[in-house]
Amino acid sequence: MRITYYGHACFLVEMGNSKLLFDPFITYNQKSQEAGVEIDTIKPDYILLSHGHEDHIADVIHIANNSGAKVIAVYEVQQWFEKQGISGHGMNTGGKWNFDFGTVKMVNAIHSSMLPDGSYGGNPVGFVVSNETDGAFYYAGDTALTMDMKLIPLLCPKLDFCIFPIGDNFTMGYEDAVLASNFVECNTIVGCHFDTFPPVEIDHDAAKKCFADAGKNFILPQVGGSYIVGE
Protein backbone atom coordinates (compact mmCIF):
# COMPACT_ATOMS: atom_id res chain seq x y z
CA MET A 1 0.00 0.00 0.00
CA ARG A 2 1.06 3.58 -0.56
CA ILE A 3 1.13 5.91 2.42
CA THR A 4 1.92 9.61 2.66
CA TYR A 5 3.01 11.23 5.92
CA TYR A 6 1.75 14.74 6.67
CA GLY A 7 3.36 15.06 10.08
CA HIS A 8 2.66 14.11 13.71
CA ALA A 9 0.15 11.21 13.47
CA CYS A 10 -1.41 12.14 10.13
CA PHE A 11 -1.17 9.70 7.22
CA LEU A 12 -2.98 9.23 3.94
CA VAL A 13 -3.31 5.55 3.04
CA GLU A 14 -4.37 4.59 -0.48
CA MET A 15 -6.39 1.40 -0.30
CA GLY A 16 -8.25 0.06 -3.30
CA ASN A 17 -9.92 3.03 -4.96
CA SER A 18 -10.21 4.97 -1.70
CA LYS A 19 -7.99 7.39 0.18
CA LEU A 20 -8.06 7.13 3.96
CA LEU A 21 -6.76 10.05 6.03
CA PHE A 22 -5.85 9.51 9.68
CA ASP A 23 -5.83 12.16 12.43
CA PRO A 24 -5.26 15.39 10.44
CA PHE A 25 -3.16 18.00 12.26
CA ILE A 26 -1.47 20.15 9.65
CA THR A 27 -2.44 23.84 9.81
CA TYR A 28 -1.16 24.26 13.38
CA ASN A 29 1.75 21.85 13.03
CA GLN A 30 5.00 23.74 12.50
CA LYS A 31 6.72 20.65 11.06
CA SER A 32 3.99 20.25 8.44
CA GLN A 33 4.16 23.93 7.53
CA GLU A 34 7.96 23.84 7.23
CA ALA A 35 7.65 20.86 4.88
CA GLY A 36 5.23 22.78 2.66
CA VAL A 37 2.22 20.48 3.12
CA GLU A 38 -0.70 22.09 1.29
CA ILE A 39 -3.89 21.16 3.07
CA ASP A 40 -6.19 21.98 0.15
CA THR A 41 -4.53 19.33 -2.01
CA ILE A 42 -5.51 16.58 0.46
CA LYS A 43 -8.79 15.10 -0.70
CA PRO A 44 -9.55 11.84 1.12
CA ASP A 45 -12.69 9.76 0.83
CA TYR A 46 -12.70 8.98 4.57
CA ILE A 47 -11.15 10.54 7.66
CA LEU A 48 -10.44 8.12 10.50
CA LEU A 49 -9.98 9.62 13.96
CA SER A 50 -8.37 7.82 16.88
CA HIS A 51 -9.57 10.27 19.56
CA GLY A 52 -10.65 13.85 20.19
CA HIS A 53 -7.45 15.72 21.04
CA GLU A 54 -6.83 18.78 18.89
CA ASP A 55 -3.47 17.49 17.61
CA HIS A 56 -5.47 14.73 15.89
CA ILE A 57 -8.62 16.48 14.68
CA ALA A 58 -7.68 20.12 14.08
CA ASP A 59 -8.15 20.04 10.31
CA VAL A 60 -11.08 17.64 10.02
CA ILE A 61 -13.76 20.22 9.26
CA HIS A 62 -11.69 22.05 6.65
CA ILE A 63 -10.63 18.87 4.85
CA ALA A 64 -14.06 17.26 5.03
CA ASN A 65 -15.76 20.35 3.64
CA ASN A 66 -13.15 20.57 0.88
CA SER A 67 -13.32 16.92 -0.10
CA GLY A 68 -16.68 15.54 0.99
CA ALA A 69 -14.91 12.93 3.12
CA LYS A 70 -16.87 11.03 5.74
CA VAL A 71 -15.60 10.69 9.30
CA ILE A 72 -15.08 7.27 10.89
CA ALA A 73 -14.59 7.58 14.64
CA VAL A 74 -15.72 6.40 18.04
CA TYR A 75 -19.39 7.31 18.47
CA GLU A 76 -18.94 10.39 20.67
CA VAL A 77 -16.37 11.96 18.34
CA GLN A 78 -18.42 11.15 15.24
CA GLN A 79 -21.53 12.69 16.81
CA TRP A 80 -19.59 15.83 17.73
CA PHE A 81 -18.59 16.28 14.09
CA GLU A 82 -22.13 15.47 12.95
CA LYS A 83 -23.22 18.57 14.90
CA GLN A 84 -20.61 20.55 12.94
CA GLY A 85 -22.25 19.39 9.69
CA ILE A 86 -19.75 16.60 8.92
CA SER A 87 -21.36 13.24 8.16
CA GLY A 88 -19.81 9.95 9.05
CA HIS A 89 -20.04 6.57 10.70
CA GLY A 90 -19.77 6.06 14.45
CA MET A 91 -18.31 2.89 15.95
CA ASN A 92 -17.00 1.68 19.28
CA THR A 93 -14.21 -0.47 20.66
CA GLY A 94 -14.33 -4.08 19.49
CA GLY A 95 -16.76 -3.45 16.66
CA LYS A 96 -16.12 -3.81 12.94
CA TRP A 97 -17.87 -2.54 9.83
CA ASN A 98 -17.55 -3.24 6.12
CA PHE A 99 -17.00 -0.12 4.01
CA ASP A 100 -16.53 0.10 0.25
CA PHE A 101 -12.73 0.04 0.68
CA GLY A 102 -12.65 -2.85 3.16
CA THR A 103 -13.27 -3.74 6.79
CA VAL A 104 -12.48 -1.52 9.76
CA LYS A 105 -12.14 -3.08 13.20
CA MET A 106 -11.92 -0.64 16.08
CA VAL A 107 -9.49 -1.81 18.74
CA ASN A 108 -8.47 -0.65 22.19
CA ALA A 109 -5.99 2.16 22.86
CA ILE A 110 -4.77 3.30 26.27
CA HIS A 111 -4.77 7.09 26.31
CA SER A 112 -7.27 9.88 27.03
CA SER A 113 -9.72 11.85 24.88
CA MET A 114 -11.42 15.22 25.04
CA LEU A 115 -12.92 17.34 22.29
CA PRO A 116 -11.84 20.97 21.71
CA ASP A 117 -14.81 22.42 23.58
CA GLY A 118 -14.07 20.27 26.61
CA SER A 119 -16.83 17.75 25.95
CA TYR A 120 -16.40 14.00 26.38
CA GLY A 121 -14.38 12.43 23.59
CA GLY A 122 -15.26 8.80 24.19
CA ASN A 123 -12.59 6.13 24.51
CA PRO A 124 -9.42 6.44 22.39
CA VAL A 125 -9.09 3.70 19.78
CA GLY A 126 -6.92 2.21 17.08
CA PHE A 127 -7.95 0.72 13.74
CA VAL A 128 -7.21 -2.50 11.89
CA VAL A 129 -8.10 -1.94 8.25
CA SER A 130 -8.17 -4.77 5.72
CA ASN A 131 -9.41 -6.05 2.39
CA GLU A 132 -8.68 -9.15 0.35
CA THR A 133 -6.72 -7.33 -2.36
CA ASP A 134 -4.44 -4.95 -0.47
CA GLY A 135 -3.97 -6.78 2.83
CA ALA A 136 -4.20 -5.38 6.35
CA PHE A 137 -2.60 -2.72 8.53
CA TYR A 138 -2.92 -1.46 12.09
CA TYR A 139 -3.05 2.22 12.94
CA ALA A 140 -2.58 2.25 16.69
CA GLY A 141 -3.48 5.87 17.43
CA ASP A 142 -2.15 7.38 20.63
CA THR A 143 -1.61 4.48 22.97
CA ALA A 144 0.52 2.92 25.63
CA LEU A 145 1.79 -0.60 25.20
CA THR A 146 -1.07 -2.88 26.19
CA MET A 147 -1.58 -6.62 26.42
CA ASP A 148 -4.78 -6.14 24.39
CA MET A 149 -2.55 -5.90 21.34
CA LYS A 150 -2.02 -9.65 21.63
CA LEU A 151 -5.67 -10.12 20.65
CA ILE A 152 -5.13 -8.58 17.21
CA PRO A 153 -3.47 -11.64 15.59
CA LEU A 154 -6.27 -13.79 16.99
CA LEU A 155 -9.10 -11.63 15.66
CA CYS A 156 -7.79 -9.91 12.53
CA PRO A 157 -6.07 -10.81 9.24
CA LYS A 158 -2.27 -11.00 9.20
CA LEU A 159 -0.86 -7.48 9.26
CA ASP A 160 1.32 -6.14 6.46
CA PHE A 161 2.44 -3.12 8.49
CA CYS A 162 1.70 -1.13 11.63
CA ILE A 163 1.74 2.59 12.35
CA PHE A 164 2.89 3.12 15.95
CA PRO A 165 3.50 6.23 18.07
CA ILE A 166 7.14 6.29 19.17
CA GLY A 167 7.64 9.70 20.81
CA ASP A 168 7.15 8.64 24.45
CA ASN A 169 5.85 11.06 27.13
CA PHE A 170 2.24 11.10 25.83
CA THR A 171 2.33 7.62 24.23
CA MET A 172 4.58 4.59 24.16
CA GLY A 173 8.16 5.19 23.08
CA TYR A 174 10.08 3.28 20.45
CA GLU A 175 11.29 0.63 22.93
CA ASP A 176 7.69 -0.23 23.79
CA ALA A 177 6.75 -0.07 20.11
CA VAL A 178 9.21 -2.91 19.43
CA LEU A 179 7.35 -5.01 22.00
CA ALA A 180 4.04 -3.95 20.47
CA SER A 181 5.19 -5.20 17.07
CA ASN A 182 5.89 -8.57 18.65
CA PHE A 183 2.47 -8.60 20.31
CA VAL A 184 0.69 -8.00 16.99
CA GLU A 185 3.09 -10.27 15.07
CA CYS A 186 4.16 -7.68 12.51
CA ASN A 187 7.72 -6.90 11.41
CA THR A 188 7.13 -3.73 9.37
CA ILE A 189 6.60 -0.63 11.50
CA VAL A 190 6.06 3.00 10.54
CA GLY A 191 6.73 5.52 13.30
CA CYS A 192 4.59 8.55 14.13
CA HIS A 193 3.86 11.03 16.93
CA PHE A 194 7.50 12.10 17.23
CA ASP A 195 9.47 15.39 17.00
CA THR A 196 6.36 17.61 16.71
CA PHE A 197 6.86 19.19 20.15
CA PRO A 198 9.84 19.08 22.54
CA PRO A 199 8.29 16.42 24.82
CA VAL A 200 8.13 13.94 21.92
CA GLU A 201 11.50 14.63 20.28
CA ILE A 202 13.48 11.44 19.79
CA ASP A 203 16.98 10.27 18.97
CA HIS A 204 16.54 9.02 15.40
CA ASP A 205 19.64 6.85 15.39
CA ALA A 206 18.71 5.22 18.69
CA ALA A 207 15.19 4.49 17.44
CA LYS A 208 16.49 2.93 14.21
CA LYS A 209 18.99 0.81 16.12
CA CYS A 210 16.33 -0.38 18.56
CA PHE A 211 14.17 -1.74 15.73
CA ALA A 212 17.14 -3.07 13.75
CA ASP A 213 18.43 -4.98 16.76
CA ALA A 214 15.01 -6.62 17.01
CA GLY A 215 15.10 -7.62 13.32
CA LYS A 216 12.32 -5.23 12.33
CA ASN A 217 11.77 -3.28 9.12
CA PHE A 218 11.38 0.26 10.48
CA ILE A 219 10.34 3.36 8.55
CA LEU A 220 10.90 6.73 10.21
CA PRO A 221 8.95 8.87 7.75
CA GLN A 222 9.77 12.39 6.62
CA VAL A 223 6.94 14.90 6.55
CA GLY A 224 5.57 15.04 3.03
CA GLY A 225 7.16 11.73 2.09
CA SER A 226 5.34 8.83 0.40
CA TYR A 227 6.21 5.20 0.93
CA ILE A 228 5.17 1.79 -0.38
CA VAL A 229 4.81 -0.44 2.67
CA GLY A 230 3.91 -4.03 3.36
CA GLU A 231 5.50 -7.33 4.23
C-alpha atoms as a PDB file:
ATOM      1  CA  MET A   1       0.000   0.000   0.000  1.00  0.00           C
ATOM      2  CA  ARG A   2       1.057   3.577  -0.563  1.00  0.00           C
ATOM      3  CA  ILE A   3       1.129   5.914   2.419  1.00  0.00           C
ATOM      4  CA  THR A   4       1.922   9.611   2.660  1.00  0.00           C
ATOM      5  CA  TYR A   5       3.011  11.225   5.921  1.00  0.00           C
ATOM      6  CA  TYR A   6       1.752  14.736   6.668  1.00  0.00           C
ATOM      7  CA  GLY A   7       3.355  15.056  10.083  1.00  0.00           C
ATOM      8  CA  HIS A   8       2.656  14.108  13.712  1.00  0.00           C
ATOM      9  CA  ALA A   9       0.149  11.208  13.467  1.00  0.00           C
ATOM     10  CA  CYS A  10      -1.412  12.142  10.128  1.00  0.00           C
ATOM     11  CA  PHE A  11      -1.174   9.696   7.220  1.00  0.00           C
ATOM     12  CA  LEU A  12      -2.983   9.226   3.944  1.00  0.00           C
ATOM     13  CA  VAL A  13      -3.314   5.549   3.037  1.00  0.00           C
ATOM     14  CA  GLU A  14      -4.372   4.595  -0.481  1.00  0.00           C
ATOM     15  CA  MET A  15      -6.388   1.397  -0.300  1.00  0.00           C
ATOM     16  CA  GLY A  16      -8.249   0.055  -3.298  1.00  0.00           C
ATOM     17  CA  ASN A  17      -9.918   3.026  -4.955  1.00  0.00           C
ATOM     18  CA  SER A  18     -10.207   4.973  -1.696  1.00  0.00           C
ATOM     19  CA  LYS A  19      -7.990   7.391   0.178  1.00  0.00           C
ATOM     20  CA  LEU A  20      -8.056   7.131   3.964  1.00  0.00           C
ATOM     21  CA  LEU A  21      -6.760  10.050   6.034  1.00  0.00           C
ATOM     22  CA  PHE A  22      -5.851   9.506   9.677  1.00  0.00           C
ATOM     23  CA  ASP A  23      -5.828  12.163  12.433  1.00  0.00           C
ATOM     24  CA  PRO A  24      -5.256  15.388  10.443  1.00  0.00           C
ATOM     25  CA  PHE A  25      -3.161  18.004  12.262  1.00  0.00           C
ATOM     26  CA  ILE A  26      -1.468  20.147   9.645  1.00  0.00           C
ATOM     27  CA  THR A  27      -2.438  23.838   9.810  1.00  0.00           C
ATOM     28  CA  TYR A  28      -1.161  24.261  13.377  1.00  0.00           C
ATOM     29  CA  ASN A  29       1.746  21.850  13.032  1.00  0.00           C
ATOM     30  CA  GLN A  30       4.998  23.737  12.503  1.00  0.00           C
ATOM     31  CA  LYS A  31       6.721  20.653  11.060  1.00  0.00           C
ATOM     32  CA  SER A  32       3.990  20.253   8.440  1.00  0.00           C
ATOM     33  CA  GLN A  33       4.159  23.925   7.532  1.00  0.00           C
ATOM     34  CA  GLU A  34       7.960  23.839   7.227  1.00  0.00           C
ATOM     35  CA  ALA A  35       7.646  20.856   4.884  1.00  0.00           C
ATOM     36  CA  GLY A  36       5.230  22.775   2.655  1.00  0.00           C
ATOM     37  CA  VAL A  37       2.225  20.484   3.122  1.00  0.00           C
ATOM     38  CA  GLU A  38      -0.702  22.091   1.288  1.00  0.00           C
ATOM     39  CA  ILE A  39      -3.891  21.156   3.066  1.00  0.00           C
ATOM     40  CA  ASP A  40      -6.191  21.982   0.145  1.00  0.00           C
ATOM     41  CA  THR A  41      -4.529  19.325  -2.009  1.00  0.00           C
ATOM     42  CA  ILE A  42      -5.508  16.576   0.461  1.00  0.00           C
ATOM     43  CA  LYS A  43      -8.790  15.097  -0.699  1.00  0.00           C
ATOM     44  CA  PRO A  44      -9.553  11.844   1.116  1.00  0.00           C
ATOM     45  CA  ASP A  45     -12.694   9.762   0.835  1.00  0.00           C
ATOM     46  CA  TYR A  46     -12.696   8.977   4.566  1.00  0.00           C
ATOM     47  CA  ILE A  47     -11.150  10.543   7.659  1.00  0.00           C
ATOM     48  CA  LEU A  48     -10.435   8.118  10.499  1.00  0.00           C
ATOM     49  CA  LEU A  49      -9.979   9.619  13.958  1.00  0.00           C
ATOM     50  CA  SER A  50      -8.372   7.820  16.880  1.00  0.00           C
ATOM     51  CA  HIS A  51      -9.566  10.274  19.562  1.00  0.00           C
ATOM     52  CA  GLY A  52     -10.651  13.849  20.193  1.00  0.00           C
ATOM     53  CA  HIS A  53      -7.450  15.718  21.043  1.00  0.00           C
ATOM     54  CA  GLU A  54      -6.826  18.779  18.895  1.00  0.00           C
ATOM     55  CA  ASP A  55      -3.474  17.492  17.611  1.00  0.00           C
ATOM     56  CA  HIS A  56      -5.466  14.727  15.888  1.00  0.00           C
ATOM     57  CA  ILE A  57      -8.617  16.479  14.682  1.00  0.00           C
ATOM     58  CA  ALA A  58      -7.676  20.123  14.083  1.00  0.00           C
ATOM     59  CA  ASP A  59      -8.146  20.044  10.306  1.00  0.00           C
ATOM     60  CA  VAL A  60     -11.082  17.638  10.024  1.00  0.00           C
ATOM     61  CA  ILE A  61     -13.761  20.218   9.262  1.00  0.00           C
ATOM     62  CA  HIS A  62     -11.686  22.046   6.650  1.00  0.00           C
ATOM     63  CA  ILE A  63     -10.628  18.873   4.851  1.00  0.00           C
ATOM     64  CA  ALA A  64     -14.063  17.258   5.034  1.00  0.00           C
ATOM     65  CA  ASN A  65     -15.764  20.353   3.643  1.00  0.00           C
ATOM     66  CA  ASN A  66     -13.150  20.574   0.882  1.00  0.00           C
ATOM     67  CA  SER A  67     -13.316  16.917  -0.095  1.00  0.00           C
ATOM     68  CA  GLY A  68     -16.681  15.538   0.989  1.00  0.00           C
ATOM     69  CA  ALA A  69     -14.910  12.931   3.121  1.00  0.00           C
ATOM     70  CA  LYS A  70     -16.873  11.028   5.740  1.00  0.00           C
ATOM     71  CA  VAL A  71     -15.596  10.691   9.302  1.00  0.00           C
ATOM     72  CA  ILE A  72     -15.076   7.271  10.889  1.00  0.00           C
ATOM     73  CA  ALA A  73     -14.589   7.578  14.636  1.00  0.00           C
ATOM     74  CA  VAL A  74     -15.716   6.405  18.039  1.00  0.00           C
ATOM     75  CA  TYR A  75     -19.390   7.314  18.469  1.00  0.00           C
ATOM     76  CA  GLU A  76     -18.940  10.389  20.670  1.00  0.00           C
ATOM     77  CA  VAL A  77     -16.366  11.961  18.337  1.00  0.00           C
ATOM     78  CA  GLN A  78     -18.424  11.150  15.236  1.00  0.00           C
ATOM     79  CA  GLN A  79     -21.529  12.687  16.807  1.00  0.00           C
ATOM     80  CA  TRP A  80     -19.591  15.831  17.728  1.00  0.00           C
ATOM     81  CA  PHE A  81     -18.586  16.284  14.091  1.00  0.00           C
ATOM     82  CA  GLU A  82     -22.127  15.473  12.953  1.00  0.00           C
ATOM     83  CA  LYS A  83     -23.215  18.566  14.895  1.00  0.00           C
ATOM     84  CA  GLN A  84     -20.606  20.551  12.938  1.00  0.00           C
ATOM     85  CA  GLY A  85     -22.248  19.385   9.693  1.00  0.00           C
ATOM     86  CA  ILE A  86     -19.749  16.601   8.921  1.00  0.00           C
ATOM     87  CA  SER A  87     -21.362  13.244   8.158  1.00  0.00           C
ATOM     88  CA  GLY A  88     -19.806   9.947   9.048  1.00  0.00           C
ATOM     89  CA  HIS A  89     -20.035   6.568  10.705  1.00  0.00           C
ATOM     90  CA  GLY A  90     -19.773   6.064  14.453  1.00  0.00           C
ATOM     91  CA  MET A  91     -18.307   2.894  15.951  1.00  0.00           C
ATOM     92  CA  ASN A  92     -16.996   1.685  19.280  1.00  0.00           C
ATOM     93  CA  THR A  93     -14.209  -0.470  20.663  1.00  0.00           C
ATOM     94  CA  GLY A  94     -14.329  -4.076  19.491  1.00  0.00           C
ATOM     95  CA  GLY A  95     -16.761  -3.453  16.657  1.00  0.00           C
ATOM     96  CA  LYS A  96     -16.125  -3.806  12.940  1.00  0.00           C
ATOM     97  CA  TRP A  97     -17.869  -2.536   9.828  1.00  0.00           C
ATOM     98  CA  ASN A  98     -17.553  -3.237   6.119  1.00  0.00           C
ATOM     99  CA  PHE A  99     -17.004  -0.122   4.007  1.00  0.00           C
ATOM    100  CA  ASP A 100     -16.535   0.103   0.248  1.00  0.00           C
ATOM    101  CA  PHE A 101     -12.732   0.036   0.684  1.00  0.00           C
ATOM    102  CA  GLY A 102     -12.653  -2.850   3.163  1.00  0.00           C
ATOM    103  CA  THR A 103     -13.270  -3.740   6.788  1.00  0.00           C
ATOM    104  CA  VAL A 104     -12.484  -1.525   9.758  1.00  0.00           C
ATOM    105  CA  LYS A 105     -12.145  -3.083  13.199  1.00  0.00           C
ATOM    106  CA  MET A 106     -11.924  -0.636  16.082  1.00  0.00           C
ATOM    107  CA  VAL A 107      -9.489  -1.807  18.745  1.00  0.00           C
ATOM    108  CA  ASN A 108      -8.473  -0.647  22.186  1.00  0.00           C
ATOM    109  CA  ALA A 109      -5.993   2.156  22.856  1.00  0.00           C
ATOM    110  CA  ILE A 110      -4.770   3.301  26.265  1.00  0.00           C
ATOM    111  CA  HIS A 111      -4.772   7.094  26.311  1.00  0.00           C
ATOM    112  CA  SER A 112      -7.273   9.879  27.030  1.00  0.00           C
ATOM    113  CA  SER A 113      -9.718  11.846  24.881  1.00  0.00           C
ATOM    114  CA  MET A 114     -11.421  15.216  25.042  1.00  0.00           C
ATOM    115  CA  LEU A 115     -12.919  17.343  22.291  1.00  0.00           C
ATOM    116  CA  PRO A 116     -11.839  20.969  21.714  1.00  0.00           C
ATOM    117  CA  ASP A 117     -14.815  22.424  23.578  1.00  0.00           C
ATOM    118  CA  GLY A 118     -14.072  20.270  26.610  1.00  0.00           C
ATOM    119  CA  SER A 119     -16.834  17.749  25.945  1.00  0.00           C
ATOM    120  CA  TYR A 120     -16.405  14.002  26.379  1.00  0.00           C
ATOM    121  CA  GLY A 121     -14.383  12.434  23.590  1.00  0.00           C
ATOM    122  CA  GLY A 122     -15.260   8.796  24.189  1.00  0.00           C
ATOM    123  CA  ASN A 123     -12.591   6.129  24.506  1.00  0.00           C
ATOM    124  CA  PRO A 124      -9.422   6.440  22.394  1.00  0.00           C
ATOM    125  CA  VAL A 125      -9.086   3.705  19.775  1.00  0.00           C
ATOM    126  CA  GLY A 126      -6.916   2.209  17.083  1.00  0.00           C
ATOM    127  CA  PHE A 127      -7.950   0.721  13.738  1.00  0.00           C
ATOM    128  CA  VAL A 128      -7.206  -2.501  11.890  1.00  0.00           C
ATOM    129  CA  VAL A 129      -8.098  -1.937   8.248  1.00  0.00           C
ATOM    130  CA  SER A 130      -8.168  -4.775   5.716  1.00  0.00           C
ATOM    131  CA  ASN A 131      -9.414  -6.045   2.393  1.00  0.00           C
ATOM    132  CA  GLU A 132      -8.683  -9.147   0.352  1.00  0.00           C
ATOM    133  CA  THR A 133      -6.717  -7.329  -2.356  1.00  0.00           C
ATOM    134  CA  ASP A 134      -4.444  -4.949  -0.466  1.00  0.00           C
ATOM    135  CA  GLY A 135      -3.972  -6.778   2.825  1.00  0.00           C
ATOM    136  CA  ALA A 136      -4.203  -5.378   6.350  1.00  0.00           C
ATOM    137  CA  PHE A 137      -2.601  -2.717   8.527  1.00  0.00           C
ATOM    138  CA  TYR A 138      -2.919  -1.461  12.092  1.00  0.00           C
ATOM    139  CA  TYR A 139      -3.052   2.225  12.937  1.00  0.00           C
ATOM    140  CA  ALA A 140      -2.577   2.245  16.693  1.00  0.00           C
ATOM    141  CA  GLY A 141      -3.475   5.871  17.425  1.00  0.00           C
ATOM    142  CA  ASP A 142      -2.152   7.384  20.626  1.00  0.00           C
ATOM    143  CA  THR A 143      -1.612   4.480  22.968  1.00  0.00           C
ATOM    144  CA  ALA A 144       0.519   2.923  25.635  1.00  0.00           C
ATOM    145  CA  LEU A 145       1.789  -0.602  25.202  1.00  0.00           C
ATOM    146  CA  THR A 146      -1.074  -2.877  26.188  1.00  0.00           C
ATOM    147  CA  MET A 147      -1.577  -6.620  26.420  1.00  0.00           C
ATOM    148  CA  ASP A 148      -4.782  -6.137  24.394  1.00  0.00           C
ATOM    149  CA  MET A 149      -2.549  -5.898  21.337  1.00  0.00           C
ATOM    150  CA  LYS A 150      -2.022  -9.655  21.630  1.00  0.00           C
ATOM    151  CA  LEU A 151      -5.673 -10.124  20.650  1.00  0.00           C
ATOM    152  CA  ILE A 152      -5.134  -8.581  17.212  1.00  0.00           C
ATOM    153  CA  PRO A 153      -3.467 -11.636  15.591  1.00  0.00           C
ATOM    154  CA  LEU A 154      -6.267 -13.788  16.994  1.00  0.00           C
ATOM    155  CA  LEU A 155      -9.101 -11.632  15.658  1.00  0.00           C
ATOM    156  CA  CYS A 156      -7.786  -9.914  12.533  1.00  0.00           C
ATOM    157  CA  PRO A 157      -6.073 -10.806   9.237  1.00  0.00           C
ATOM    158  CA  LYS A 158      -2.270 -11.000   9.197  1.00  0.00           C
ATOM    159  CA  LEU A 159      -0.862  -7.478   9.265  1.00  0.00           C
ATOM    160  CA  ASP A 160       1.316  -6.140   6.462  1.00  0.00           C
ATOM    161  CA  PHE A 161       2.435  -3.124   8.490  1.00  0.00           C
ATOM    162  CA  CYS A 162       1.705  -1.131  11.631  1.00  0.00           C
ATOM    163  CA  ILE A 163       1.744   2.593  12.352  1.00  0.00           C
ATOM    164  CA  PHE A 164       2.886   3.116  15.951  1.00  0.00           C
ATOM    165  CA  PRO A 165       3.496   6.226  18.073  1.00  0.00           C
ATOM    166  CA  ILE A 166       7.140   6.287  19.171  1.00  0.00           C
ATOM    167  CA  GLY A 167       7.641   9.701  20.812  1.00  0.00           C
ATOM    168  CA  ASP A 168       7.154   8.642  24.453  1.00  0.00           C
ATOM    169  CA  ASN A 169       5.850  11.059  27.128  1.00  0.00           C
ATOM    170  CA  PHE A 170       2.243  11.100  25.833  1.00  0.00           C
ATOM    171  CA  THR A 171       2.325   7.624  24.232  1.00  0.00           C
ATOM    172  CA  MET A 172       4.581   4.594  24.160  1.00  0.00           C
ATOM    173  CA  GLY A 173       8.156   5.193  23.078  1.00  0.00           C
ATOM    174  CA  TYR A 174      10.079   3.277  20.452  1.00  0.00           C
ATOM    175  CA  GLU A 175      11.292   0.633  22.927  1.00  0.00           C
ATOM    176  CA  ASP A 176       7.689  -0.227  23.791  1.00  0.00           C
ATOM    177  CA  ALA A 177       6.750  -0.073  20.114  1.00  0.00           C
ATOM    178  CA  VAL A 178       9.208  -2.906  19.428  1.00  0.00           C
ATOM    179  CA  LEU A 179       7.350  -5.013  21.999  1.00  0.00           C
ATOM    180  CA  ALA A 180       4.041  -3.945  20.474  1.00  0.00           C
ATOM    181  CA  SER A 181       5.194  -5.196  17.072  1.00  0.00           C
ATOM    182  CA  ASN A 182       5.892  -8.573  18.654  1.00  0.00           C
ATOM    183  CA  PHE A 183       2.474  -8.597  20.314  1.00  0.00           C
ATOM    184  CA  VAL A 184       0.694  -7.996  16.989  1.00  0.00           C
ATOM    185  CA  GLU A 185       3.091 -10.268  15.073  1.00  0.00           C
ATOM    186  CA  CYS A 186       4.161  -7.679  12.510  1.00  0.00           C
ATOM    187  CA  ASN A 187       7.719  -6.899  11.405  1.00  0.00           C
ATOM    188  CA  THR A 188       7.128  -3.727   9.372  1.00  0.00           C
ATOM    189  CA  ILE A 189       6.603  -0.634  11.497  1.00  0.00           C
ATOM    190  CA  VAL A 190       6.056   2.998  10.545  1.00  0.00           C
ATOM    191  CA  GLY A 191       6.726   5.521  13.302  1.00  0.00           C
ATOM    192  CA  CYS A 192       4.586   8.545  14.132  1.00  0.00           C
ATOM    193  CA  HIS A 193       3.861  11.033  16.932  1.00  0.00           C
ATOM    194  CA  PHE A 194       7.501  12.101  17.227  1.00  0.00           C
ATOM    195  CA  ASP A 195       9.468  15.390  17.000  1.00  0.00           C
ATOM    196  CA  THR A 196       6.357  17.608  16.707  1.00  0.00           C
ATOM    197  CA  PHE A 197       6.864  19.186  20.146  1.00  0.00           C
ATOM    198  CA  PRO A 198       9.845  19.083  22.542  1.00  0.00           C
ATOM    199  CA  PRO A 199       8.285  16.424  24.825  1.00  0.00           C
ATOM    200  CA  VAL A 200       8.128  13.938  21.923  1.00  0.00           C
ATOM    201  CA  GLU A 201      11.496  14.634  20.283  1.00  0.00           C
ATOM    202  CA  ILE A 202      13.476  11.436  19.786  1.00  0.00           C
ATOM    203  CA  ASP A 203      16.982  10.266  18.968  1.00  0.00           C
ATOM    204  CA  HIS A 204      16.540   9.018  15.401  1.00  0.00           C
ATOM    205  CA  ASP A 205      19.645   6.852  15.392  1.00  0.00           C
ATOM    206  CA  ALA A 206      18.709   5.217  18.692  1.00  0.00           C
ATOM    207  CA  ALA A 207      15.188   4.491  17.438  1.00  0.00           C
ATOM    208  CA  LYS A 208      16.489   2.931  14.213  1.00  0.00           C
ATOM    209  CA  LYS A 209      18.989   0.813  16.119  1.00  0.00           C
ATOM    210  CA  CYS A 210      16.330  -0.383  18.559  1.00  0.00           C
ATOM    211  CA  PHE A 211      14.173  -1.743  15.733  1.00  0.00           C
ATOM    212  CA  ALA A 212      17.139  -3.069  13.754  1.00  0.00           C
ATOM    213  CA  ASP A 213      18.432  -4.980  16.763  1.00  0.00           C
ATOM    214  CA  ALA A 214      15.012  -6.622  17.008  1.00  0.00           C
ATOM    215  CA  GLY A 215      15.099  -7.618  13.321  1.00  0.00           C
ATOM    216  CA  LYS A 216      12.322  -5.229  12.332  1.00  0.00           C
ATOM    217  CA  ASN A 217      11.772  -3.279   9.124  1.00  0.00           C
ATOM    218  CA  PHE A 218      11.377   0.257  10.480  1.00  0.00           C
ATOM    219  CA  ILE A 219      10.339   3.363   8.549  1.00  0.00           C
ATOM    220  CA  LEU A 220      10.896   6.731  10.209  1.00  0.00           C
ATOM    221  CA  PRO A 221       8.947   8.873   7.750  1.00  0.00           C
ATOM    222  CA  GLN A 222       9.772  12.387   6.618  1.00  0.00           C
ATOM    223  CA  VAL A 223       6.943  14.901   6.555  1.00  0.00           C
ATOM    224  CA  GLY A 224       5.568  15.037   3.028  1.00  0.00           C
ATOM    225  CA  GLY A 225       7.158  11.729   2.092  1.00  0.00           C
ATOM    226  CA  SER A 226       5.341   8.831   0.402  1.00  0.00           C
ATOM    227  CA  TYR A 227       6.209   5.197   0.932  1.00  0.00           C
ATOM    228  CA  ILE A 228       5.169   1.788  -0.383  1.00  0.00           C
ATOM    229  CA  VAL A 229       4.814  -0.443   2.671  1.00  0.00           C
ATOM    230  CA  GLY A 230       3.910  -4.032   3.360  1.00  0.00           C
ATOM    231  CA  GLU A 231       5.497  -7.331   4.228  1.00  0.00           C
END
